[in-house]
Amino acid sequence: METLELKKPGRKLTMIVVEKEYNEDIKELEIAGNGGLEIKVPTPAFKEFLKKLISTTKPDFATEELGDRDPRGKTELAEVFESLKVPFFTVDIDENAKNYILNELDTLKDKLKETLENLNMMKKKSGREADVDYLVAYADYLKDELKEGVDRIKREVRPAWIVKGIVDAAEKVAASKKELIGVHVCSPAHLNEVIKLLESLGVKVEIASMKKEYVIEEAEGSSLASIKVKVKPVVKGAVGKFPYILFFLTTDDIASPFDICMAYDAGFDTVKPYEAVTPEKAKIIVQDAIFSRGTKGVKYTCFFVSGKDIDKVEDVAEVIKKTMFKPFKTSIVADPRGAYTTAAAMIAKAEEGLQKVGLGELAGKSCVVFGTGPVGMIAAVLLSKLGCETVIAEPYEKLSQAYVDSVVNRLKERYGVNVKGVFAPTKIERAKIVQNTDVVFTAAAAGVRVIDATIIEKLRKATLFVDINAVPPSGVEGLEAKDDMKEIRRGIYGIGSLAVGDLKYKVEMEMLQDARTSGDGFFDYNCALEKAREILGRKVELVQSFTLTVSR
């Protein structure tokens, strides 16, 4: 049996998804039929529409769902595509996989049939009321299980196989091409599921559908009327009916243009900022947003929470989570002024860098984070959760050990991590801290040099420095913003702010894209670290706009 594994295409792929006139069903998955009244033949108007679409977009290949049709035969639409020299493939659930699933459903059907027969027999014999009630309840349970099983196959399993077939078809025709355009003719029943899966694989999607207007003219002396069909192409965005809307909630007085711009670049159609948001205000905003979009539209809604105060941001995010409930649930992104994505990028770059020079895993190593701001705190949390011996240090001379102690207590109370806190305003104190440390992260204020050459010269063991200070001078002397695993001195390596920043940008972008297409989930610093690792190639997991113009 073929394995269902969704992989990103090996090249840039744009898919034009054409909404079919009817569903290409698999009869074994239909619990109740429609009496056979549905006509399942493409109309001449639809074929003409496809021909014009092909001549306009010049696709490299085309696919259509097979359904119950014989895979050895030729479908009606195959002739349309092949007549215009477009490679054509039918795609659908693997036959062996389908039979395996249907066997499971048949087991449920047999149990249901047996239960109903026993129930009827018991009723005829005036069986005990308790036994009858039990069988009625059990029959209802089996019906629900059967319906849920069928729905899951139609909602999740079959669309996944269809998308796999589309990607496989793209690879078959790719040759040396770096970009491909494909057409997929899709049943209306799972249009949205196919689109979401394609987008999750990085495929750019446009939807094309056809609006028909009928003009019926009576012909004299004939029982048949003359029917003229006026075809009007309808081109929709990748979501079909609903635009993607992101509500940007910040606890600050001014919303960050950085995150708003990124949200638009990530594919959101509309970004609505709200400033000075409190937990109380957040609840009202979320309720109005989710209820206004309905159970289907809510999945095309997303909430992004930001602000310089991590505690306030997380309190607002928690209220948003508690305010939502099934079926009114959707995705939430939390990234306090970029602290989560930046800290995650720092950690992931350190993991990658240590491996590159043969210094092993980051987990379990001794680490120091200079800076008690949002980035420094979250970096310390992630390091502690990785099992690192973690110290958070504050280099700013106007603060105090008491302040650092308060930060340590906050981290313990809110995140359940134990880190050591040190006040290090002088070079002597900083040198003492890093002397026996494996990895040093500098996340202090912009333009502040934390580590100078005299400290580096005294180091006697291999050390990695990771800096996020993009404002000159860098946080580490001898380390430039663009450096990526530069050997500052023998055995002393450094990663600069731009190397970290580039990954941070990619992490936030992909998190926003995932939040947009998933319609569910909480995207926080844990998610950011997983995404950063994925981007750097540590993990391989499943996981812009092509403009279509069609004229007559």
Protein backbone atom coordinates (compact mmCIF):
# COMPACT_ATOMS: atom_id res chain seq x y z
CA MET A 1 0.00 0.00 0.00
CA GLU A 2 1.34 3.43 -0.93
CA THR A 3 2.29 5.64 2.00
CA LEU A 4 0.49 8.95 2.48
CA GLU A 5 3.24 11.52 3.00
CA LEU A 6 2.76 15.17 2.11
CA LYS A 7 5.95 16.91 1.03
CA LYS A 8 6.56 20.44 -0.15
CA PRO A 9 7.04 20.69 -3.93
CA GLY A 10 10.65 20.81 -5.08
CA ARG A 11 10.03 24.08 -6.91
CA LYS A 12 7.71 27.09 -6.87
CA LEU A 13 4.19 25.90 -7.66
CA THR A 14 1.05 27.89 -8.39
CA MET A 15 -2.23 25.96 -8.55
CA ILE A 16 -5.39 27.25 -10.16
CA VAL A 17 -8.15 25.33 -8.41
CA VAL A 18 -11.26 25.13 -10.59
CA GLU A 19 -14.52 24.47 -8.78
CA LYS A 20 -16.34 21.61 -10.50
CA GLU A 21 -20.04 21.65 -11.33
CA TYR A 22 -20.67 18.59 -9.14
CA ASN A 23 -18.96 16.36 -6.59
CA GLU A 24 -16.91 13.41 -7.78
CA ASP A 25 -18.07 11.07 -5.01
CA ILE A 26 -16.98 7.61 -3.92
CA LYS A 27 -20.26 5.75 -3.50
CA GLU A 28 -19.03 3.58 -0.62
CA LEU A 29 -18.56 6.78 1.40
CA GLU A 30 -22.14 7.94 0.91
CA ILE A 31 -24.38 6.91 3.80
CA ALA A 32 -27.52 8.14 2.08
CA GLY A 33 -27.91 8.64 -1.64
CA ASN A 34 -29.63 11.45 -3.51
CA GLY A 35 -31.87 9.22 -5.57
CA GLY A 36 -29.57 9.34 -8.58
CA LEU A 37 -30.93 12.72 -9.67
CA GLU A 38 -27.55 14.47 -9.88
CA ILE A 39 -26.13 14.70 -13.39
CA LYS A 40 -22.42 13.96 -13.32
CA VAL A 41 -21.31 14.98 -16.78
CA PRO A 42 -19.42 18.22 -17.46
CA THR A 43 -21.55 20.61 -19.47
CA PRO A 44 -20.38 22.02 -22.81
CA ALA A 45 -20.21 25.42 -21.11
CA PHE A 46 -17.81 24.10 -18.45
CA LYS A 47 -15.60 22.49 -21.10
CA GLU A 48 -15.50 25.76 -23.03
CA PHE A 49 -14.65 27.60 -19.82
CA LEU A 50 -11.72 25.24 -19.22
CA LYS A 51 -10.44 25.72 -22.77
CA LYS A 52 -10.38 29.48 -22.34
CA LEU A 53 -8.73 29.13 -18.94
CA ILE A 54 -6.02 26.92 -20.42
CA SER A 55 -5.37 29.26 -23.34
CA THR A 56 -5.03 32.19 -20.93
CA THR A 57 -2.90 30.65 -18.20
CA LYS A 58 -0.95 28.04 -20.21
CA PRO A 59 -0.60 25.51 -17.36
CA ASP A 60 2.20 22.95 -17.24
CA PHE A 61 -0.14 20.17 -16.09
CA ALA A 62 -3.68 19.47 -14.91
CA THR A 63 -5.32 17.13 -12.42
CA GLU A 64 -8.86 15.97 -11.66
CA GLU A 65 -10.33 13.79 -8.92
CA LEU A 66 -11.03 10.24 -10.07
CA GLY A 67 -13.87 9.31 -7.72
CA ASP A 68 -15.60 6.06 -8.68
CA ARG A 69 -14.50 6.12 -12.31
CA ASP A 70 -12.26 3.45 -13.84
CA PRO A 71 -8.61 4.62 -13.60
CA ARG A 72 -7.90 2.78 -16.86
CA GLY A 73 -10.45 4.84 -18.76
CA LYS A 74 -10.32 8.41 -20.00
CA THR A 75 -12.42 11.06 -18.29
CA GLU A 76 -14.43 13.65 -20.21
CA LEU A 77 -12.13 16.45 -19.03
CA ALA A 78 -8.99 14.51 -19.94
CA GLU A 79 -9.91 14.97 -23.59
CA VAL A 80 -10.18 18.74 -23.08
CA PHE A 81 -6.71 19.07 -21.56
CA GLU A 82 -5.02 16.58 -23.86
CA SER A 83 -6.47 18.28 -26.96
CA LEU A 84 -4.58 21.39 -25.86
CA LYS A 85 -1.35 19.45 -25.13
CA VAL A 86 -1.60 19.80 -21.33
CA PRO A 87 -0.34 16.72 -19.39
CA PHE A 88 -3.33 15.38 -17.46
CA PHE A 89 -3.49 13.17 -14.35
CA THR A 90 -6.36 11.79 -12.26
CA VAL A 91 -5.73 11.96 -8.51
CA ASP A 92 -7.54 10.46 -5.54
CA ILE A 93 -7.18 8.21 -2.53
CA ASP A 94 -4.96 5.17 -3.10
CA GLU A 95 -7.09 2.10 -3.91
CA ASN A 96 -5.46 -0.11 -1.26
CA ALA A 97 -5.79 2.63 1.35
CA LYS A 98 -9.44 3.09 0.38
CA ASN A 99 -10.17 -0.63 0.73
CA TYR A 100 -8.46 -0.74 4.13
CA ILE A 101 -10.56 2.18 5.37
CA LEU A 102 -13.77 0.75 3.90
CA ASN A 103 -13.15 -2.53 5.70
CA GLU A 104 -13.09 -0.64 8.98
CA LEU A 105 -16.34 1.10 8.07
CA ASP A 106 -17.91 -2.22 7.04
CA THR A 107 -17.14 -3.57 10.52
CA LEU A 108 -19.11 -0.68 12.02
CA LYS A 109 -21.95 -1.23 9.54
CA ASP A 110 -22.12 -4.93 10.44
CA LYS A 111 -22.23 -4.11 14.16
CA LEU A 112 -24.97 -1.57 13.54
CA LYS A 113 -26.99 -4.02 11.45
CA GLU A 114 -26.65 -6.73 14.11
CA THR A 115 -27.65 -4.30 16.87
CA LEU A 116 -30.74 -3.11 14.98
CA GLU A 117 -31.80 -6.71 14.30
CA ASN A 118 -31.41 -7.59 18.00
CA LEU A 119 -33.36 -4.47 18.92
CA ASN A 120 -36.25 -5.36 16.63
CA MET A 121 -36.29 -8.92 17.95
CA MET A 122 -36.29 -7.72 21.55
CA LYS A 123 -39.15 -5.31 20.87
CA LYS A 124 -41.23 -8.13 19.35
CA LYS A 125 -40.60 -10.32 22.41
CA SER A 126 -41.31 -7.42 24.81
CA GLY A 127 -37.82 -7.50 26.24
CA ARG A 128 -36.75 -5.68 29.38
CA GLU A 129 -36.97 -1.92 29.06
CA ALA A 130 -33.38 -1.50 30.31
CA ASP A 131 -32.06 -3.84 27.62
CA VAL A 132 -34.04 -2.07 24.91
CA ASP A 133 -32.77 1.32 26.08
CA TYR A 134 -29.21 0.00 26.06
CA LEU A 135 -29.50 -1.27 22.47
CA VAL A 136 -31.09 2.00 21.32
CA ALA A 137 -28.22 3.95 22.86
CA TYR A 138 -25.63 1.57 21.40
CA ALA A 139 -27.20 1.83 17.94
CA ASP A 140 -27.09 5.63 18.16
CA TYR A 141 -23.43 5.41 19.19
CA LEU A 142 -22.59 3.19 16.20
CA LYS A 143 -24.45 5.53 13.83
CA ASP A 144 -22.46 8.49 15.15
CA GLU A 145 -19.19 6.57 14.89
CA LEU A 146 -19.99 5.56 11.32
CA LYS A 147 -20.94 9.10 10.33
CA GLU A 148 -17.84 10.54 12.02
CA GLY A 149 -15.64 7.98 10.28
CA VAL A 150 -17.08 8.80 6.88
CA ASP A 151 -16.89 12.54 7.54
CA ARG A 152 -13.25 12.28 8.62
CA ILE A 153 -12.32 10.42 5.43
CA LYS A 154 -14.11 12.97 3.27
CA ARG A 155 -12.84 15.94 5.30
CA GLU A 156 -9.23 14.89 5.99
CA VAL A 157 -8.04 11.64 4.41
CA ARG A 158 -9.30 11.99 0.84
CA PRO A 159 -8.20 15.65 0.41
CA ALA A 160 -4.73 14.70 1.67
CA TRP A 161 -4.40 11.97 -0.96
CA ILE A 162 -5.67 14.36 -3.64
CA VAL A 163 -3.05 16.97 -2.69
CA LYS A 164 -0.35 14.29 -2.68
CA GLY A 165 -1.41 13.38 -6.21
CA ILE A 166 -1.22 17.02 -7.30
CA VAL A 167 2.32 17.43 -5.93
CA ASP A 168 3.39 14.09 -7.45
CA ALA A 169 2.00 15.20 -10.82
CA ALA A 170 3.96 18.47 -10.57
CA GLU A 171 7.17 16.54 -9.98
CA LYS A 172 6.50 14.28 -12.99
CA VAL A 173 6.30 17.20 -15.42
CA ALA A 174 8.83 19.47 -13.72
CA ALA A 175 12.01 18.54 -15.64
CA SER A 176 14.36 21.49 -15.17
CA LYS A 177 11.66 24.11 -14.60
CA LYS A 178 11.96 26.23 -11.46
CA GLU A 179 8.33 27.39 -11.54
CA LEU A 180 5.17 25.54 -12.50
CA ILE A 181 1.53 26.41 -13.00
CA GLY A 182 -1.06 23.70 -12.58
CA VAL A 183 -4.83 23.39 -12.85
CA HIS A 184 -6.81 21.16 -10.51
CA VAL A 185 -10.50 20.50 -11.10
CA CYS A 186 -11.94 20.10 -7.61
CA SER A 187 -15.23 18.88 -6.17
CA PRO A 188 -17.05 21.67 -4.25
CA ALA A 189 -17.39 19.39 -1.19
CA HIS A 190 -13.72 19.53 -0.27
CA LEU A 191 -12.56 22.66 -2.08
CA ASN A 192 -11.51 24.43 1.12
CA GLU A 193 -9.68 21.39 2.54
CA VAL A 194 -7.63 20.96 -0.65
CA ILE A 195 -6.77 24.66 -0.73
CA LYS A 196 -5.65 24.70 2.91
CA LEU A 197 -3.43 21.66 2.42
CA LEU A 198 -1.86 23.14 -0.72
CA GLU A 199 -1.16 26.40 1.06
CA SER A 200 0.35 24.57 4.03
CA LEU A 201 2.88 23.10 1.60
CA GLY A 202 3.82 26.55 0.31
CA VAL A 203 1.77 26.30 -2.89
CA LYS A 204 0.22 29.54 -4.10
CA VAL A 205 -3.46 29.10 -4.87
CA GLU A 206 -6.06 30.88 -7.00
CA ILE A 207 -9.66 29.75 -7.31
CA ALA A 208 -11.60 29.91 -10.57
CA SER A 209 -15.26 29.04 -10.84
CA MET A 210 -17.94 29.52 -13.42
CA LYS A 211 -21.22 31.36 -13.18
CA LYS A 212 -23.83 30.28 -15.71
CA GLU A 213 -26.86 32.21 -16.95
CA TYR A 214 -29.48 30.30 -18.89
CA VAL A 215 -31.62 31.75 -21.67
CA ILE A 216 -34.34 29.35 -22.82
CA GLU A 217 -36.00 30.04 -26.14
CA GLU A 218 -39.09 28.06 -27.14
CA ALA A 219 -38.81 26.50 -30.58
CA GLU A 220 -42.03 26.31 -32.63
CA GLY A 221 -43.24 22.82 -33.37
CA SER A 222 -40.76 21.20 -31.06
CA SER A 223 -41.05 19.78 -27.58
CA LEU A 224 -37.50 20.81 -26.87
CA ALA A 225 -36.49 24.36 -26.06
CA SER A 226 -33.35 25.99 -27.34
CA ILE A 227 -31.01 26.62 -24.43
CA LYS A 228 -28.26 29.19 -24.60
CA VAL A 229 -25.71 29.27 -21.81
CA LYS A 230 -23.82 32.45 -21.04
CA VAL A 231 -20.63 31.63 -19.17
CA LYS A 232 -19.12 34.17 -16.79
CA PRO A 233 -15.79 33.24 -15.14
CA VAL A 234 -15.52 34.09 -11.47
CA VAL A 235 -12.02 34.41 -10.01
CA LYS A 236 -11.77 34.33 -6.23
CA GLY A 237 -8.98 34.64 -3.68
CA ALA A 238 -7.44 31.59 -2.10
CA VAL A 239 -10.11 31.31 0.55
CA GLY A 240 -13.17 31.24 -1.58
CA LYS A 241 -15.92 32.95 0.38
CA PHE A 242 -14.03 34.43 3.30
CA PRO A 243 -11.11 36.90 3.37
CA TYR A 244 -8.30 36.27 5.87
CA ILE A 245 -8.56 38.84 8.67
CA LEU A 246 -5.93 39.37 11.38
CA PHE A 247 -6.78 41.35 14.50
CA PHE A 248 -3.55 42.84 15.85
CA LEU A 249 -3.94 43.45 19.59
CA THR A 250 -1.10 45.33 21.29
CA THR A 251 -0.82 46.30 24.93
CA ASP A 252 1.32 49.30 23.86
CA ASP A 253 -0.02 52.74 22.99
CA ILE A 254 1.15 52.44 19.38
CA ALA A 255 0.83 49.33 17.19
CA SER A 256 4.09 48.17 15.62
CA PRO A 257 4.20 48.74 11.82
CA PHE A 258 6.76 45.90 11.63
CA ASP A 259 4.28 43.19 12.61
CA ILE A 260 1.44 44.75 10.60
CA CYS A 261 3.54 44.78 7.42
CA MET A 262 4.63 41.19 8.04
CA ALA A 263 1.03 40.09 8.46
CA TYR A 264 0.09 41.54 5.06
CA ASP A 265 3.17 39.92 3.49
CA ALA A 266 2.13 36.61 5.06
CA GLY A 267 -1.09 36.71 3.04
CA PHE A 268 -3.72 38.29 5.30
CA ASP A 269 -6.24 40.31 3.32
CA THR A 270 -6.98 42.70 6.17
CA VAL A 271 -5.08 43.61 9.35
CA LYS A 272 -6.99 45.56 12.00
CA PRO A 273 -4.86 46.96 14.88
CA TYR A 274 -6.17 47.67 18.39
CA GLU A 275 -3.94 49.59 20.82
CA ALA A 276 -3.69 49.77 24.63
CA VAL A 277 -5.54 46.46 24.84
CA THR A 278 -6.33 45.04 28.28
CA PRO A 279 -7.68 41.56 29.08
CA GLU A 280 -11.15 43.11 29.52
CA LYS A 281 -11.02 44.85 26.13
CA ALA A 282 -9.61 41.73 24.48
CA LYS A 283 -12.62 39.65 25.51
CA ILE A 284 -15.03 42.10 23.86
CA ILE A 285 -12.95 42.34 20.68
CA VAL A 286 -12.66 38.56 20.35
CA GLN A 287 -16.37 37.91 20.96
CA ASP A 288 -17.44 40.47 18.36
CA ALA A 289 -14.91 39.12 15.85
CA ILE A 290 -15.64 35.39 16.10
CA PHE A 291 -19.43 35.64 16.31
CA SER A 292 -19.62 38.04 13.34
CA ARG A 293 -17.85 35.56 11.05
CA GLY A 294 -19.89 32.46 11.89
CA THR A 295 -18.68 28.89 12.34
CA LYS A 296 -17.12 28.74 8.86
CA GLY A 297 -15.68 32.23 8.63
CA VAL A 298 -14.03 32.10 12.05
CA LYS A 299 -11.37 29.77 10.63
CA TYR A 300 -10.24 32.63 8.39
CA THR A 301 -9.74 34.87 11.40
CA CYS A 302 -6.55 35.20 13.46
CA PHE A 303 -5.50 37.11 16.58
CA PHE A 304 -1.94 38.45 17.02
CA VAL A 305 -0.98 39.70 20.49
CA SER A 306 2.03 41.97 20.99
CA GLY A 307 3.48 44.60 23.30
CA LYS A 308 6.69 45.31 25.19
CA ASP A 309 5.37 43.97 28.52
CA ILE A 310 5.46 40.16 28.34
CA ASP A 311 3.20 39.66 31.36
CA LYS A 312 0.48 41.88 29.87
CA VAL A 313 0.76 40.18 26.47
CA GLU A 314 0.45 36.71 27.98
CA ASP A 315 -2.51 37.78 30.13
CA VAL A 316 -4.31 39.05 27.01
CA ALA A 317 -3.45 35.89 25.08
CA GLU A 318 -4.81 33.75 27.92
CA VAL A 319 -8.11 35.67 27.87
CA ILE A 320 -8.39 35.17 24.11
CA LYS A 321 -7.90 31.41 24.52
CA LYS A 322 -10.54 31.23 27.25
CA THR A 323 -13.01 33.37 25.30
CA MET A 324 -13.03 31.00 22.32
CA PHE A 325 -14.83 27.66 22.30
CA LYS A 326 -15.79 25.07 19.68
CA PRO A 327 -16.87 25.73 16.98
CA PHE A 328 -15.78 29.34 17.50
CA LYS A 329 -12.06 28.62 17.79
CA THR A 330 -9.25 29.90 15.63
CA SER A 331 -5.51 30.60 15.69
CA ILE A 332 -3.65 32.92 18.08
CA VAL A 333 -0.12 34.28 17.64
CA ALA A 334 1.75 35.76 20.61
CA ASP A 335 5.05 37.55 20.00
CA PRO A 336 5.71 40.45 22.41
CA ARG A 337 7.53 43.00 20.21
CA GLY A 338 9.29 40.09 18.51
CA ALA A 339 10.70 38.66 21.75
CA TYR A 340 9.47 35.10 21.17
CA THR A 341 10.67 34.81 17.58
CA THR A 342 13.99 36.55 18.33
CA ALA A 343 14.75 34.37 21.36
CA ALA A 344 13.82 31.25 19.39
CA ALA A 345 16.09 32.29 16.53
CA MET A 346 18.98 32.84 18.96
CA ILE A 347 18.58 29.38 20.46
CA ALA A 348 18.19 27.63 17.10
CA LYS A 349 21.24 29.39 15.64
CA ALA A 350 23.26 28.39 18.69
CA GLU A 351 22.16 24.75 18.29
CA GLU A 352 23.12 24.79 14.62
CA GLY A 353 26.44 26.57 15.27
CA LEU A 354 27.60 24.18 17.98
CA GLN A 355 26.90 21.22 15.71
CA LYS A 356 28.79 22.81 12.82
CA VAL A 357 32.06 23.09 14.77
CA GLY A 358 31.71 19.77 16.57
CA LEU A 359 30.85 21.12 20.01
CA GLY A 360 27.81 18.88 20.44
CA GLU A 361 24.26 19.66 21.51
CA LEU A 362 23.17 22.89 23.21
CA ALA A 363 21.05 20.93 25.71
CA GLY A 364 22.88 20.52 28.98
CA LYS A 365 25.49 23.20 28.35
CA SER A 366 26.26 26.18 30.61
CA CYS A 367 24.74 29.39 29.21
CA VAL A 368 24.65 33.06 30.13
CA VAL A 369 22.08 35.52 28.81
CA PHE A 370 23.04 39.19 29.16
CA GLY A 371 19.88 41.30 29.25
CA THR A 372 16.75 41.03 31.38
CA GLY A 373 14.39 42.46 28.78
CA PRO A 374 11.72 40.41 26.96
CA VAL A 375 14.17 38.67 24.60
CA GLY A 376 16.63 37.85 27.39
CA MET A 377 13.92 36.46 29.64
CA ILE A 378 12.40 34.19 26.98
CA ALA A 379 15.85 33.02 25.89
CA ALA A 380 16.56 32.08 29.52
CA VAL A 381 13.24 30.23 29.71
CA LEU A 382 13.93 28.22 26.56
CA LEU A 383 17.48 27.40 27.65
CA SER A 384 16.28 26.24 31.05
CA LYS A 385 13.62 24.06 29.45
CA LEU A 386 16.37 22.51 27.30
CA GLY A 387 18.19 21.48 30.47
CA CYS A 388 20.93 24.11 30.23
CA GLU A 389 22.62 25.51 33.31
CA THR A 390 21.29 29.03 32.79
CA VAL A 391 22.33 32.41 34.18
CA ILE A 392 20.53 35.64 33.32
CA ALA A 393 22.72 38.71 33.86
CA GLU A 394 21.94 42.43 33.81
CA PRO A 395 24.82 44.68 32.61
CA TYR A 396 23.04 48.04 33.05
CA GLU A 397 24.73 49.85 35.94
CA LYS A 398 21.61 51.78 37.02
CA LEU A 399 19.79 48.58 37.96
CA SER A 400 20.60 46.29 40.90
CA GLN A 401 20.88 42.73 42.16
CA ALA A 402 17.47 43.16 43.77
CA TYR A 403 15.99 43.92 40.34
CA VAL A 404 17.65 40.85 38.83
CA ASP A 405 16.32 38.72 41.70
CA SER A 406 12.81 39.98 40.92
CA VAL A 407 13.24 38.90 37.28
CA VAL A 408 14.38 35.43 38.38
CA ASN A 409 11.31 35.13 40.64
CA ARG A 410 9.02 36.16 37.76
CA LEU A 411 10.51 33.47 35.53
CA LYS A 412 10.03 30.84 38.21
CA GLU A 413 6.45 31.83 39.01
CA ARG A 414 5.22 32.30 35.42
CA TYR A 415 7.23 29.67 33.53
CA GLY A 416 8.29 27.23 36.24
CA VAL A 417 12.01 27.49 35.42
CA ASN A 418 14.98 27.86 37.74
CA VAL A 419 17.69 30.23 36.54
CA LYS A 420 20.41 32.05 38.40
CA GLY A 421 20.41 35.86 38.32
CA VAL A 422 23.52 38.05 38.43
CA PHE A 423 24.00 41.81 38.38
CA ALA A 424 27.09 42.47 36.22
CA PRO A 425 27.66 46.17 35.53
CA THR A 426 31.49 45.91 35.31
CA LYS A 427 33.93 44.10 33.03
CA ILE A 428 35.37 42.20 35.99
CA GLU A 429 31.98 40.73 36.88
CA ARG A 430 31.15 39.89 33.26
CA ALA A 431 34.53 38.22 32.74
CA LYS A 432 33.95 36.10 35.82
CA ILE A 433 30.53 34.97 34.59
CA VAL A 434 31.64 33.92 31.09
CA GLN A 435 34.94 32.35 32.13
CA ASN A 436 33.58 28.80 32.31
CA THR A 437 30.51 29.25 30.10
CA ASP A 438 29.84 27.32 26.89
CA VAL A 439 27.43 29.75 25.20
CA VAL A 440 26.93 33.48 25.80
CA PHE A 441 23.86 35.35 24.50
CA THR A 442 23.98 39.17 24.44
CA ALA A 443 20.48 40.67 24.40
CA ALA A 444 21.13 43.95 26.19
CA ALA A 445 19.99 47.42 25.09
CA ALA A 446 20.72 48.55 21.52
CA GLY A 447 24.20 50.00 21.02
CA VAL A 448 25.60 48.58 24.28
CA ARG A 449 28.83 46.56 24.11
CA VAL A 450 28.67 43.88 26.77
CA ILE A 451 31.76 41.80 25.93
CA ASP A 452 35.02 43.45 24.87
CA ALA A 453 38.32 42.02 23.64
CA THR A 454 39.90 41.90 27.10
CA ILE A 455 37.20 39.49 28.29
CA ILE A 456 37.51 37.31 25.19
CA GLU A 457 41.31 37.11 25.50
CA LYS A 458 41.02 35.57 28.98
CA LEU A 459 38.82 32.69 27.83
CA ARG A 460 40.48 29.27 28.01
CA LYS A 461 37.71 27.04 26.62
CA ALA A 462 35.66 26.88 23.43
CA THR A 463 32.87 29.44 23.65
CA LEU A 464 30.09 30.56 21.34
CA PHE A 465 28.74 34.14 21.43
CA VAL A 466 25.32 34.97 19.97
CA ASP A 467 24.52 38.69 19.64
CA ILE A 468 21.28 40.44 18.68
CA ASN A 469 22.48 44.04 18.92
CA ALA A 470 22.05 45.47 15.40
CA VAL A 471 22.93 49.04 16.45
CA PRO A 472 26.72 49.71 16.44
CA PRO A 473 28.75 48.89 18.34
CA SER A 474 27.90 45.18 18.46
CA GLY A 475 27.35 43.50 21.80
CA VAL A 476 30.57 41.51 21.35
CA GLU A 477 33.83 43.10 20.19
CA GLY A 478 35.20 41.54 17.00
CA LEU A 479 31.76 40.32 15.94
CA GLU A 480 29.96 42.00 13.03
CA ALA A 481 26.23 41.89 12.37
CA LYS A 482 26.53 39.66 9.30
CA ASP A 483 28.91 37.13 10.87
CA ASP A 484 27.68 33.57 11.12
CA MET A 485 29.95 31.25 13.13
CA LYS A 486 32.95 33.54 12.67
CA GLU A 487 36.00 32.38 14.60
CA ILE A 488 36.78 35.53 16.59
CA ARG A 489 39.79 33.88 18.17
CA ARG A 490 40.96 30.28 18.19
CA GLY A 491 38.07 28.23 19.62
CA ILE A 492 35.90 31.36 20.15
CA TYR A 493 33.00 31.67 17.71
CA GLY A 494 30.36 34.30 17.11
CA ILE A 495 26.95 34.72 15.46
CA GLY A 496 25.96 38.29 14.63
CA SER A 497 22.66 40.12 14.82
CA LEU A 498 21.81 39.93 11.11
CA ALA A 499 22.35 36.16 11.05
CA VAL A 500 19.90 35.88 13.94
CA GLY A 501 17.58 38.53 12.50
CA ASP A 502 17.28 36.79 9.15
CA LEU A 503 16.08 33.62 10.87
CA LYS A 504 13.80 35.60 13.19
CA TYR A 505 12.12 37.17 10.15
CA LYS A 506 11.56 33.78 8.51
CA VAL A 507 10.21 32.32 11.75
CA GLU A 508 7.64 35.08 12.21
CA MET A 509 6.63 34.96 8.55
CA GLU A 510 6.05 31.20 8.57
CA MET A 511 4.27 31.30 11.92
CA LEU A 512 1.88 33.90 10.52
CA GLN A 513 1.35 31.83 7.37
CA ASP A 514 0.71 28.70 9.44
CA ALA A 515 -1.69 30.59 11.71
CA ARG A 516 -3.52 31.94 8.66
CA THR A 517 -4.01 28.59 6.95
CA SER A 518 -4.50 26.33 9.99
CA GLY A 519 -7.48 28.10 11.54
CA ASP A 520 -6.46 26.76 14.95
CA GLY A 521 -3.57 26.57 17.40
CA PHE A 522 -1.56 28.76 19.76
CA PHE A 523 1.70 30.04 18.26
CA ASP A 524 4.08 31.10 21.05
CA TYR A 525 7.79 30.78 21.90
CA ASN A 526 7.63 26.98 21.91
CA CYS A 527 6.16 27.00 18.43
CA ALA A 528 8.72 29.63 17.35
CA LEU A 529 11.62 27.40 18.42
CA GLU A 530 10.19 24.40 16.56
CA LYS A 531 9.73 26.56 13.46
CA ALA A 532 13.29 27.96 13.71
CA ARG A 533 14.71 24.43 13.92
CA GLU A 534 12.58 23.33 10.99
CA ILE A 535 13.82 26.23 8.86
CA LEU A 536 17.42 25.43 9.70
CA GLY A 537 16.86 21.84 8.64
CA ARG A 538 17.04 20.21 12.08
CA LYS A 539 13.62 18.70 11.54
CA VAL A 540 11.72 17.78 8.40
CA GLU A 541 7.99 17.94 9.00
CA LEU A 542 4.78 18.27 7.06
CA VAL A 543 3.54 20.80 7.46
CA GLN A 544 2.73 35.56 -3.63
CA SER A 545 -0.10 35.86 -5.64
CA PHE A 546 -0.72 34.60 -9.13
CA THR A 547 -3.22 36.80 -10.91
CA LEU A 548 -5.66 34.98 -13.15
CA THR A 549 -7.57 36.86 -15.84
CA VAL A 550 -10.00 34.96 -18.02
CA SER A 551 -11.93 36.61 -20.84
CA ARG A 552 -14.24 35.24 -23.48
